[in-house]
C-alpha cells in the first residue's frame, strides 16, 4: 500500500483555502471553527516538515508548493 502524508480532510482544507483565502471563510466552508482550521494547518505543517500556507495578516495564501497541489487535490475530491 502506498503511504501519503495527506488525509482527505487535508485535501479539503487545502482546496478550501485556495478558494477562500481566509481562515474564517475556510472554517465556514468546512463547517468548523477558525481555531480548528488553524490547528489543522499546524498539524499538517508538523507532519510535512514545511508549510503549504503563508499567513498575510488576516489573509492566508498557499505557497507555490501548496498551489501546485490544488488541481490534483480537486481531482481526487471530485472523483469520490
Protein backbone atom coordinates (compact mmCIF):
# COMPACT_ATOMS: atom_id res chain seq x y z
CA UNK A 1 0.00 0.00 0.00
CA UNK A 2 1.24 3.50 -0.85
CA UNK A 3 1.53 5.87 2.10
CA UNK A 4 0.63 9.53 1.77
CA UNK A 5 1.07 12.34 4.29
CA UNK A 6 -2.35 13.71 3.32
CA UNK A 7 -5.77 12.69 4.59
CA UNK A 8 -8.97 13.53 2.73
CA UNK A 9 -9.59 16.26 5.31
CA UNK A 10 -6.17 17.72 4.44
CA UNK A 11 -7.12 17.78 0.76
CA UNK A 12 -10.41 19.53 1.58
CA UNK A 13 -8.57 22.04 3.77
CA UNK A 14 -6.01 23.00 1.12
CA UNK A 15 -8.66 23.30 -1.61
CA UNK A 16 -10.91 25.40 0.64
CA UNK A 17 -8.04 27.75 1.47
CA UNK A 18 -7.23 28.13 -2.22
CA UNK A 19 -10.84 29.20 -2.85
CA UNK A 20 -11.39 31.46 0.14
CA UNK A 21 -8.03 32.97 1.08
CA UNK A 22 -9.00 33.30 4.74
CA UNK A 23 -9.14 31.09 7.80
CA UNK A 24 -12.59 32.41 8.70
CA UNK A 25 -14.08 31.68 5.28
CA UNK A 26 -12.37 28.29 5.13
CA UNK A 27 -13.92 27.46 8.51
CA UNK A 28 -17.37 28.42 7.19
CA UNK A 29 -16.91 26.27 4.10
CA UNK A 30 -15.73 23.28 6.15
CA UNK A 31 -18.33 23.89 8.87
CA UNK A 32 -15.84 24.19 11.71
CA UNK A 33 -14.25 26.96 13.76
CA UNK A 34 -11.37 29.16 12.64
CA UNK A 35 -9.41 27.70 15.54
CA UNK A 36 -9.94 24.20 14.16
CA UNK A 37 -8.64 25.33 10.76
CA UNK A 38 -5.55 26.83 12.39
CA UNK A 39 -4.93 23.65 14.37
CA UNK A 40 -5.29 21.51 11.26
CA UNK A 41 -2.81 23.74 9.40
CA UNK A 42 -0.34 23.46 12.27
CA UNK A 43 -0.74 19.69 12.35
CA UNK A 44 -0.22 19.44 8.60
CA UNK A 45 2.88 21.64 8.81
CA UNK A 46 4.31 19.44 11.56
CA UNK A 47 3.65 16.23 9.63
CA UNK A 48 5.15 17.58 6.39
CA UNK A 49 8.02 19.47 7.97
CA UNK A 50 7.06 22.55 5.97
CA UNK A 51 4.08 24.82 5.46
CA UNK A 52 1.82 24.89 2.42
CA UNK A 53 0.24 28.13 3.63
CA UNK A 54 1.63 31.62 4.19
CA UNK A 55 -0.20 33.96 6.57
CA UNK A 56 -0.59 37.54 5.42
CA UNK A 57 -2.34 39.24 8.33
CA UNK A 58 -5.93 38.03 8.26
CA UNK A 59 -5.48 36.52 4.84
CA UNK A 60 -3.86 33.21 4.07
CA UNK A 61 -2.47 32.11 0.78
CA UNK A 62 -0.98 28.90 -0.42
CA UNK A 63 2.72 28.74 -1.03
CA UNK A 64 3.75 27.87 -4.61
CA UNK A 65 4.14 24.27 -3.44
CA UNK A 66 0.62 24.32 -1.99
CA UNK A 67 -0.83 25.89 -5.15
CA UNK A 68 0.76 23.17 -7.26
CA UNK A 69 -1.15 20.53 -5.27
CA UNK A 70 -4.61 22.08 -5.69
CA UNK A 71 -5.51 20.69 -9.15
CA UNK A 72 -4.60 17.16 -8.09
CA UNK A 73 -6.45 17.51 -4.78
CA UNK A 74 -9.55 18.86 -6.58
CA UNK A 75 -9.47 15.91 -8.99
CA UNK A 76 -9.23 13.43 -6.13
CA UNK A 77 -12.09 15.06 -4.22
CA UNK A 78 -14.30 15.20 -7.33
CA UNK A 79 -13.71 11.53 -8.02
CA UNK A 80 -15.09 10.47 -4.61
